[in-house]
Amino acid sequence: MTEMTHCVTCGGTVAPDGHCWDCGTPQPAFRSHLELTVGGAAGVSERGPRRGVNSDAMALVRAGVWTVGAVCDGVSMAPRADRAARVAAYTGAATTAARLRTGALPETALVAGALHAARAVASLTAIRATVPPPGPAEGADHRTIPDPARVENRTIPEPARANHRTIPDPAHTDHRTTPDPAHTDHRTTPDPAHTDHRTTPDPAHTDHRTTPDPARAEHRTALSAAWAGLGVGAPSCTYVAGVVGPEGVWSCWIGDSRAYWLPGEGLGMALTEDDTGEHEALSAWLGADAGPSKPRLRSYQPRVPGRLLLCTDGLWRHLPDAASLRVHALPGDPLAAARSLIAYALGAGGQDDVTALLIDVHPGDHPGDHADDHAGDLHRQAPPTSDARGAATTGPTRVAGVPRSRRG
């Protein structure tokens, strides 16, 4: 929850999700500064100076010897992007931890978490029937995207309005049902030379309601694509998750939120590759308009202690390489280091929401052997703060989606 009880716009009641019950305005102080901690791991998230609400989210869970983290960045162009990010982070981390507890491999658990997160975000979509589908101003076919309450009877006939030729009314049965031998209806005993076109349709006179006209079908397809392109009612976000255990670190991502390996000695490296296309437009994200989710994986087996960093673009745009990140991410405990990263990004002129989550890595150690499973402790509205060793393996290569000019 938040300490705020009154809307800054209308004075109404603030809902648990940080929006006003009365006018729907997101409250600027809601989730403006968050800190999350669990043994050996911590995260900090800060609302950007020019953002109305913090659309970043993070989650931390300990599952036996495993530590699971997730960071999501709500797509700014999408409605309720902050909610999408929170749902994705919590769902992804919880699902990954649950799979690990059952003995699943980290790769399997991470993919399951990403796919569950994608479905959870997609379920937030609610297409508004009051918004007309895009397309030509005149002549648009309203049957392209039918309203379930107004489906045309030609598509789904109602019993009361069914064609009497299909379901005859006994009270009005045609006398031709019992034919006079001298006047046999050709529809009862069809003459091959005079077959009813309703039985064997003439290709030249086929009802367009049975066989759609190619031009009409193409027009409908174009309208549907434009409708989906609006993203109306489709909350969206990026996703990155990481698992740290005695045998190494694993990362899984969809979008441009990143994971970095930052060793205590040697060179660090990025464990993710941005899902972006031309002009850095996102080519993959979570949302109902994103198409099939294709999470990518990468694992790494370090030989020296270090930290796994999960972050949003609000951080890596100001500290894009592992060498510069190590300067702020390694000194001190994880919470102090995460605060230092956030402070640098904002001090460098950052205007976007920024989130950094750090997990200690100690090769061969079993940090969860003497600790119960638990999720991270969340502290809201905390005061704001001013060459790799090992062998990396890469999961399936990216299959990019349709480029979209969307930024988180």
Protein backbone atom coordinates (compact mmCIF):
# COMPACT_ATOMS: atom_id res chain seq x y z
CA MET A 1 0.00 0.00 0.00
CA THR A 2 0.93 3.65 0.04
CA GLU A 3 0.62 6.39 2.65
CA MET A 4 -1.33 8.53 0.16
CA THR A 5 -5.09 8.58 0.75
CA HIS A 6 -6.28 11.53 -1.38
CA CYS A 7 -5.91 12.11 -5.12
CA VAL A 8 -3.68 15.04 -6.04
CA THR A 9 -6.10 15.97 -8.85
CA CYS A 10 -9.61 15.68 -7.45
CA GLY A 11 -9.12 14.79 -3.79
CA GLY A 12 -10.73 11.36 -4.26
CA THR A 13 -9.68 8.08 -2.68
CA VAL A 14 -6.47 6.44 -3.91
CA ALA A 15 -6.82 2.75 -4.82
CA PRO A 16 -4.19 0.13 -3.92
CA ASP A 17 -2.80 0.29 -7.47
CA GLY A 18 -1.97 4.01 -7.09
CA HIS A 19 -4.81 5.36 -9.24
CA CYS A 20 -7.71 7.49 -8.06
CA TRP A 21 -10.99 5.60 -7.63
CA ASP A 22 -12.92 8.65 -8.85
CA CYS A 23 -10.99 10.18 -11.76
CA GLY A 24 -8.43 7.44 -12.53
CA THR A 25 -5.40 9.75 -12.29
CA PRO A 26 -2.13 7.94 -11.39
CA GLN A 27 -0.62 9.41 -8.25
CA PRO A 28 2.93 10.73 -8.73
CA ALA A 29 4.19 9.67 -5.29
CA PHE A 30 2.86 6.11 -5.50
CA ARG A 31 5.78 3.69 -5.79
CA SER A 32 8.06 6.65 -6.45
CA HIS A 33 10.90 4.99 -4.56
CA LEU A 34 11.03 1.27 -3.77
CA GLU A 35 13.63 -0.89 -2.07
CA LEU A 36 13.52 -4.68 -1.99
CA THR A 37 15.82 -6.95 0.01
CA VAL A 38 16.43 -10.65 0.60
CA GLY A 39 19.54 -12.32 1.97
CA GLY A 40 22.43 -11.53 -0.37
CA ALA A 41 20.28 -9.58 -2.83
CA ALA A 42 18.58 -6.19 -3.08
CA GLY A 43 16.86 -3.94 -5.58
CA VAL A 44 16.00 -0.24 -5.84
CA SER A 45 13.50 1.39 -8.19
CA GLU A 46 13.00 5.14 -8.64
CA ARG A 47 10.38 7.08 -10.60
CA GLY A 48 11.84 9.26 -13.34
CA PRO A 49 11.67 13.04 -12.75
CA ARG A 50 9.34 13.51 -15.70
CA ARG A 51 7.22 10.40 -15.20
CA GLY A 52 3.74 10.56 -13.73
CA VAL A 53 4.08 7.10 -12.17
CA ASN A 54 6.85 4.55 -11.75
CA SER A 55 6.25 1.97 -14.49
CA ASP A 56 9.20 -0.23 -13.47
CA ALA A 57 8.74 -3.24 -11.22
CA MET A 58 10.92 -5.87 -9.56
CA ALA A 59 10.62 -9.05 -7.50
CA LEU A 60 13.00 -11.18 -5.40
CA VAL A 61 12.41 -14.73 -4.15
CA ARG A 62 14.63 -17.25 -2.36
CA ALA A 63 13.93 -20.91 -3.14
CA GLY A 64 16.33 -23.19 -1.25
CA VAL A 65 19.79 -22.75 -2.77
CA TRP A 66 18.38 -20.56 -5.52
CA THR A 67 17.83 -16.81 -5.60
CA VAL A 68 15.40 -15.57 -8.23
CA GLY A 69 15.02 -11.98 -9.40
CA ALA A 70 12.85 -10.31 -12.03
CA VAL A 71 12.78 -6.76 -13.40
CA CYS A 72 10.19 -5.34 -15.80
CA ASP A 73 9.78 -2.00 -17.55
CA GLY A 74 6.28 -0.90 -18.54
CA VAL A 75 6.02 0.31 -22.14
CA SER A 76 5.28 4.01 -21.81
CA MET A 77 2.95 4.12 -24.83
CA ALA A 78 0.70 1.39 -23.43
CA PRO A 79 -2.16 1.97 -20.97
CA ARG A 80 -1.56 0.86 -17.36
CA ALA A 81 2.02 -0.05 -18.15
CA ASP A 82 2.88 0.08 -14.45
CA ARG A 83 0.36 -2.64 -13.72
CA ALA A 84 1.69 -4.81 -16.54
CA ALA A 85 5.21 -4.53 -15.14
CA ARG A 86 4.14 -5.46 -11.61
CA VAL A 87 2.09 -8.43 -12.76
CA ALA A 88 4.91 -9.70 -14.96
CA ALA A 89 7.62 -9.35 -12.31
CA TYR A 90 5.65 -11.01 -9.52
CA THR A 91 4.25 -13.78 -11.70
CA GLY A 92 7.56 -14.53 -13.39
CA ALA A 93 9.59 -14.68 -10.16
CA ALA A 94 6.98 -16.72 -8.28
CA THR A 95 6.56 -19.25 -11.10
CA THR A 96 10.31 -19.63 -11.57
CA ALA A 97 10.85 -20.22 -7.84
CA ALA A 98 7.99 -22.71 -7.69
CA ARG A 99 9.45 -24.74 -10.56
CA LEU A 100 12.90 -24.73 -8.94
CA ARG A 101 11.44 -26.08 -5.71
CA THR A 102 10.07 -29.05 -7.65
CA GLY A 103 13.53 -29.86 -9.00
CA ALA A 104 13.24 -28.31 -12.44
CA LEU A 105 16.38 -27.13 -14.22
CA PRO A 106 16.98 -23.37 -14.03
CA GLU A 107 16.49 -23.05 -17.80
CA THR A 108 13.14 -24.83 -17.64
CA ALA A 109 12.02 -22.81 -14.63
CA LEU A 110 12.96 -19.49 -16.23
CA VAL A 111 11.11 -20.23 -19.47
CA ALA A 112 8.04 -21.30 -17.51
CA GLY A 113 8.20 -18.08 -15.52
CA ALA A 114 8.49 -15.93 -18.63
CA LEU A 115 5.59 -17.66 -20.37
CA HIS A 116 3.36 -17.41 -17.29
CA ALA A 117 4.24 -13.72 -17.00
CA ALA A 118 3.37 -13.20 -20.67
CA ARG A 119 -0.03 -14.84 -20.23
CA ALA A 120 -0.72 -12.83 -17.09
CA VAL A 121 0.02 -9.54 -18.85
CA ALA A 122 -2.03 -10.53 -21.89
CA SER A 123 -4.99 -11.23 -19.62
CA LEU A 124 -5.02 -7.57 -18.54
CA THR A 125 -6.24 -6.54 -21.99
CA ALA A 126 -9.80 -5.26 -22.29
CA ILE A 127 -10.78 -4.07 -25.77
CA ARG A 128 -13.20 -1.16 -25.49
CA ALA A 129 -16.24 -1.70 -27.69
CA THR A 130 -16.83 2.06 -27.78
CA VAL A 131 -13.62 2.65 -29.72
CA PRO A 132 -14.26 2.17 -33.45
CA PRO A 133 -11.78 0.03 -35.37
CA PRO A 134 -9.41 1.98 -37.60
CA GLY A 135 -9.76 1.87 -41.35
CA PRO A 136 -11.33 3.78 -44.23
CA ALA A 137 -13.78 6.43 -43.05
CA GLU A 138 -16.36 5.15 -45.49
CA GLY A 139 -17.35 1.64 -46.39
CA ALA A 140 -15.69 -0.09 -43.44
CA ASP A 141 -17.22 -3.51 -42.92
CA HIS A 142 -18.62 -3.71 -39.40
CA ARG A 143 -18.42 -7.49 -39.64
CA THR A 144 -14.61 -7.33 -39.58
CA ILE A 145 -14.55 -7.15 -35.78
CA PRO A 146 -18.05 -8.27 -34.74
CA ASP A 147 -19.67 -7.18 -31.53
CA PRO A 148 -20.78 -10.41 -29.78
CA ALA A 149 -24.05 -8.74 -28.85
CA ARG A 150 -24.78 -7.83 -32.47
CA VAL A 151 -23.52 -10.82 -34.43
CA GLU A 152 -25.31 -11.00 -37.75
CA ASN A 153 -27.90 -13.75 -38.00
CA ARG A 154 -26.33 -14.88 -41.25
CA THR A 155 -23.25 -15.91 -39.27
CA ILE A 156 -24.89 -17.43 -36.18
CA PRO A 157 -28.62 -17.93 -36.95
CA GLU A 158 -31.03 -17.61 -34.06
CA PRO A 159 -33.59 -20.46 -33.82
CA ALA A 160 -36.47 -18.00 -34.01
CA ARG A 161 -35.06 -16.43 -37.15
CA ALA A 162 -33.70 -19.52 -38.90
CA ASN A 163 -34.47 -20.03 -42.54
CA HIS A 164 -37.65 -22.08 -42.90
CA ARG A 165 -35.94 -24.06 -45.61
CA THR A 166 -33.53 -25.37 -42.96
CA ILE A 167 -35.88 -25.83 -39.98
CA PRO A 168 -39.46 -26.05 -41.36
CA ASP A 169 -42.39 -25.00 -39.19
CA PRO A 170 -44.78 -28.01 -38.95
CA ALA A 171 -47.75 -25.63 -38.96
CA HIS A 172 -46.70 -24.23 -42.30
CA THR A 173 -45.28 -27.27 -44.03
CA ASP A 174 -45.13 -26.82 -47.77
CA HIS A 175 -47.56 -29.05 -49.65
CA ARG A 176 -44.59 -30.01 -51.75
CA THR A 177 -43.31 -32.09 -48.78
CA THR A 178 -45.87 -34.78 -49.81
CA PRO A 179 -45.63 -34.52 -53.55
CA ASP A 180 -48.34 -35.31 -56.08
CA PRO A 181 -46.88 -37.95 -58.44
CA ALA A 182 -48.11 -35.92 -61.34
CA HIS A 183 -46.45 -32.78 -60.03
CA THR A 184 -43.26 -34.01 -58.38
CA ASP A 185 -41.19 -31.06 -57.19
CA HIS A 186 -37.84 -31.08 -58.90
CA ARG A 187 -36.31 -30.27 -55.53
CA THR A 188 -37.60 -33.62 -54.19
CA THR A 189 -36.43 -35.73 -57.12
CA PRO A 190 -33.87 -33.55 -58.78
CA ASP A 191 -33.47 -33.62 -62.53
CA PRO A 192 -29.71 -33.76 -63.28
CA ALA A 193 -30.25 -31.12 -65.95
CA HIS A 194 -32.06 -28.82 -63.55
CA THR A 195 -30.28 -29.31 -60.25
CA ASP A 196 -31.13 -26.62 -57.70
CA HIS A 197 -28.17 -24.27 -57.37
CA ARG A 198 -28.68 -24.34 -53.64
CA THR A 199 -27.70 -28.02 -53.66
CA THR A 200 -24.83 -27.81 -56.14
CA PRO A 201 -23.75 -24.16 -56.20
CA ASP A 202 -22.84 -22.55 -59.46
CA PRO A 203 -19.29 -21.14 -59.09
CA ALA A 204 -20.42 -18.06 -60.96
CA HIS A 205 -23.21 -17.41 -58.48
CA THR A 206 -21.69 -18.55 -55.21
CA ASP A 207 -23.04 -16.61 -52.21
CA HIS A 208 -20.26 -14.37 -50.93
CA ARG A 209 -21.42 -15.20 -47.42
CA THR A 210 -20.27 -18.80 -47.99
CA THR A 211 -17.11 -18.15 -49.98
CA PRO A 212 -15.65 -14.74 -49.03
CA ASP A 213 -14.56 -12.45 -51.80
CA PRO A 214 -10.72 -12.24 -51.83
CA ALA A 215 -10.80 -8.45 -51.99
CA ARG A 216 -13.17 -8.28 -49.03
CA ALA A 217 -11.03 -10.73 -47.04
CA GLU A 218 -7.93 -8.65 -47.76
CA HIS A 219 -9.73 -5.54 -46.61
CA ARG A 220 -10.76 -7.24 -43.38
CA THR A 221 -7.22 -8.42 -42.76
CA ALA A 222 -5.88 -4.90 -43.18
CA LEU A 223 -8.48 -3.54 -40.78
CA SER A 224 -7.66 -6.18 -38.19
CA ALA A 225 -3.95 -5.41 -38.44
CA ALA A 226 -4.57 -1.71 -37.97
CA TRP A 227 -6.85 -2.41 -35.02
CA ALA A 228 -4.20 -4.56 -33.35
CA GLY A 229 -1.59 -1.93 -34.12
CA LEU A 230 -3.36 0.57 -31.89
CA GLY A 231 -2.65 -1.54 -28.83
CA VAL A 232 -5.92 -0.29 -27.35
CA GLY A 233 -6.41 -1.77 -23.91
CA ALA A 234 -3.15 -3.75 -24.12
CA PRO A 235 -0.86 -3.13 -21.14
CA SER A 236 2.71 -4.06 -22.11
CA CYS A 237 6.17 -4.36 -20.58
CA THR A 238 9.64 -5.81 -21.07
CA TYR A 239 10.94 -8.67 -18.94
CA VAL A 240 14.26 -9.95 -17.61
CA ALA A 241 14.75 -12.58 -14.92
CA GLY A 242 17.78 -14.19 -13.37
CA VAL A 243 18.58 -17.23 -11.24
CA VAL A 244 21.68 -17.57 -9.07
CA GLY A 245 22.74 -20.92 -7.61
CA PRO A 246 25.83 -22.83 -6.58
CA GLU A 247 26.55 -23.92 -10.15
CA GLY A 248 26.23 -20.58 -11.90
CA VAL A 249 23.88 -17.86 -13.11
CA TRP A 250 21.07 -17.95 -15.66
CA SER A 251 19.20 -15.16 -17.38
CA CYS A 252 16.00 -15.06 -19.42
CA TRP A 253 14.56 -12.04 -21.22
CA ILE A 254 11.99 -10.59 -23.60
CA GLY A 255 12.58 -6.99 -24.64
CA ASP A 256 15.40 -4.61 -23.78
CA SER A 257 15.73 -4.90 -20.00
CA ARG A 258 19.19 -6.32 -19.35
CA ALA A 259 21.22 -8.73 -17.21
CA TYR A 260 24.96 -8.29 -16.53
CA TRP A 261 27.59 -10.48 -14.93
CA LEU A 262 29.85 -8.27 -12.80
CA PRO A 263 32.79 -10.24 -11.33
CA GLY A 264 34.90 -9.16 -8.37
CA GLU A 265 37.95 -9.76 -10.57
CA GLY A 266 38.27 -9.53 -14.32
CA LEU A 267 35.94 -8.23 -16.97
CA GLY A 268 32.19 -8.27 -16.78
CA MET A 269 29.75 -8.81 -19.62
CA ALA A 270 26.13 -8.47 -20.67
CA LEU A 271 24.13 -11.70 -20.48
CA THR A 272 21.30 -10.42 -22.68
CA GLU A 273 20.84 -8.99 -26.15
CA ASP A 274 18.21 -6.32 -26.71
CA ASP A 275 15.12 -7.35 -28.66
CA THR A 276 15.09 -4.22 -30.79
CA GLY A 277 14.89 -3.36 -34.46
CA GLU A 278 15.41 -0.23 -36.51
CA HIS A 279 15.77 2.97 -34.47
CA GLU A 280 15.88 0.85 -31.30
CA ALA A 281 12.18 0.05 -31.60
CA LEU A 282 11.15 -2.92 -29.49
CA SER A 283 10.67 -6.11 -31.47
CA ALA A 284 9.54 -8.24 -28.51
CA TRP A 285 7.60 -7.50 -25.33
CA LEU A 286 4.90 -8.91 -23.09
CA GLY A 287 1.33 -7.99 -23.96
CA ALA A 288 -1.77 -9.11 -25.80
CA ASP A 289 -0.50 -7.40 -28.96
CA ALA A 290 2.97 -8.95 -28.82
CA GLY A 291 2.28 -12.24 -30.57
CA PRO A 292 3.71 -15.57 -29.34
CA SER A 293 6.30 -15.07 -26.58
CA LYS A 294 9.78 -16.37 -27.39
CA PRO A 295 11.96 -15.98 -24.28
CA ARG A 296 15.71 -16.25 -24.78
CA LEU A 297 18.19 -17.80 -22.35
CA ARG A 298 21.84 -17.52 -21.43
CA SER A 299 23.78 -19.23 -18.66
CA TYR A 300 27.22 -18.61 -17.20
CA GLN A 301 29.50 -20.54 -14.83
CA PRO A 302 31.70 -18.07 -12.96
CA ARG A 303 34.92 -19.05 -11.23
CA VAL A 304 35.14 -15.97 -9.03
CA PRO A 305 32.62 -14.20 -6.80
CA GLY A 306 30.65 -11.32 -8.21
CA ARG A 307 27.12 -10.04 -8.72
CA LEU A 308 24.30 -10.52 -11.18
CA LEU A 309 22.66 -7.23 -12.17
CA LEU A 310 19.15 -6.96 -13.60
CA CYS A 311 18.16 -3.48 -14.76
CA THR A 312 15.92 -1.39 -17.00
CA ASP A 313 17.01 1.00 -19.74
CA GLY A 314 16.75 3.87 -17.28
CA LEU A 315 20.08 2.62 -15.91
CA TRP A 316 21.95 1.09 -18.83
CA ARG A 317 21.47 4.16 -21.04
CA HIS A 318 23.76 6.00 -18.63
CA LEU A 319 26.02 3.05 -17.74
CA PRO A 320 25.90 0.87 -20.87
CA ASP A 321 28.98 -1.32 -20.35
CA ALA A 322 29.94 -3.76 -17.62
CA ALA A 323 33.17 -1.94 -16.76
CA SER A 324 31.37 1.27 -15.78
CA LEU A 325 28.66 -0.67 -13.94
CA ARG A 326 31.24 -2.50 -11.79
CA VAL A 327 32.45 0.80 -10.33
CA HIS A 328 29.08 1.33 -8.64
CA ALA A 329 27.73 -2.22 -8.33
CA LEU A 330 30.50 -3.98 -6.41
CA PRO A 331 31.45 -1.84 -3.38
CA GLY A 332 29.34 -2.35 -0.25
CA ASP A 333 26.32 -4.57 0.30
CA PRO A 334 23.79 -5.12 -2.51
CA LEU A 335 21.33 -2.50 -1.23
CA ALA A 336 23.97 0.21 -0.94
CA ALA A 337 25.32 -0.70 -4.38
CA ALA A 338 21.84 -0.58 -5.95
CA ARG A 339 21.27 2.85 -4.42
CA SER A 340 24.57 4.01 -5.87
CA LEU A 341 23.56 2.89 -9.36
CA ILE A 342 20.21 4.67 -9.15
CA ALA A 343 21.81 7.85 -7.84
CA TYR A 344 24.31 7.89 -10.71
CA ALA A 345 21.64 7.47 -13.39
CA LEU A 346 19.47 10.27 -11.98
CA GLY A 347 22.49 12.48 -11.37
CA ALA A 348 23.55 12.01 -15.00
CA GLY A 349 20.30 13.62 -16.12
CA GLY A 350 18.14 10.51 -16.39
CA GLN A 351 14.45 11.28 -16.89
CA ASP A 352 13.13 7.73 -17.19
CA ASP A 353 12.19 5.33 -14.41
CA VAL A 354 15.27 3.43 -13.28
CA THR A 355 15.58 0.05 -11.55
CA ALA A 356 18.61 -1.97 -10.46
CA LEU A 357 18.54 -5.38 -8.77
CA LEU A 358 21.75 -7.06 -7.55
CA ILE A 359 22.27 -10.67 -6.44
CA ASP A 360 25.50 -11.87 -4.83
CA VAL A 361 27.18 -14.81 -6.58
CA HIS A 362 29.50 -17.16 -4.68
CA PRO A 363 30.48 -20.14 -6.86
CA GLY A 364 30.08 -23.43 -5.01
CA ASP A 365 28.27 -21.92 -2.03
CA HIS A 366 24.79 -22.95 -0.95
CA PRO A 367 23.30 -19.75 0.47
CA GLY A 368 19.87 -21.27 1.05
CA ASP A 369 20.94 -24.38 3.05
CA HIS A 370 20.27 -22.66 6.37
CA ALA A 371 17.50 -20.29 5.33
CA ASP A 372 13.80 -20.77 4.74
CA ASP A 373 12.24 -19.96 1.41
CA HIS A 374 10.88 -16.45 1.34
CA ALA A 375 10.25 -13.49 -0.87
CA GLY A 376 12.09 -10.22 -0.57
CA ASP A 377 11.04 -7.60 1.95
CA LEU A 378 9.58 -4.56 0.22
CA HIS A 379 10.19 -1.06 1.58
CA ARG A 380 8.05 1.57 -0.11
CA GLN A 381 8.54 5.32 -0.04
CA ALA A 382 12.07 5.05 1.34
CA PRO A 383 14.07 8.31 1.25
CA PRO A 384 15.68 8.74 -2.19
CA THR A 385 19.45 8.75 -2.43
CA SER A 386 21.13 11.48 -4.09
CA ASP A 387 37.32 -9.70 -18.98
CA ALA A 388 34.93 -12.37 -17.67
CA ARG A 389 36.29 -15.63 -16.29
CA GLY A 390 34.32 -18.77 -16.97
CA ALA A 391 32.36 -20.22 -19.85
CA ALA A 392 29.12 -18.84 -21.15
CA THR A 393 26.45 -20.77 -23.02
CA THR A 394 23.70 -19.22 -25.05
CA GLY A 395 20.14 -20.46 -25.40
CA PRO A 396 17.94 -20.35 -28.51
CA THR A 397 18.54 -17.49 -30.88
CA ARG A 398 16.02 -14.69 -31.12
CA VAL A 399 13.10 -14.82 -33.45
CA ALA A 400 12.16 -11.15 -33.70
CA GLY A 401 8.59 -10.05 -33.91
CA VAL A 402 7.16 -7.24 -35.99
CA PRO A 403 9.12 -4.08 -35.14
CA ARG A 404 7.14 -1.58 -33.15
CA SER A 405 8.06 2.01 -32.33
CA ARG A 406 7.53 1.47 -28.62
CA ARG A 407 9.88 2.35 -25.86
CA GLY A 408 9.73 1.37 -22.24
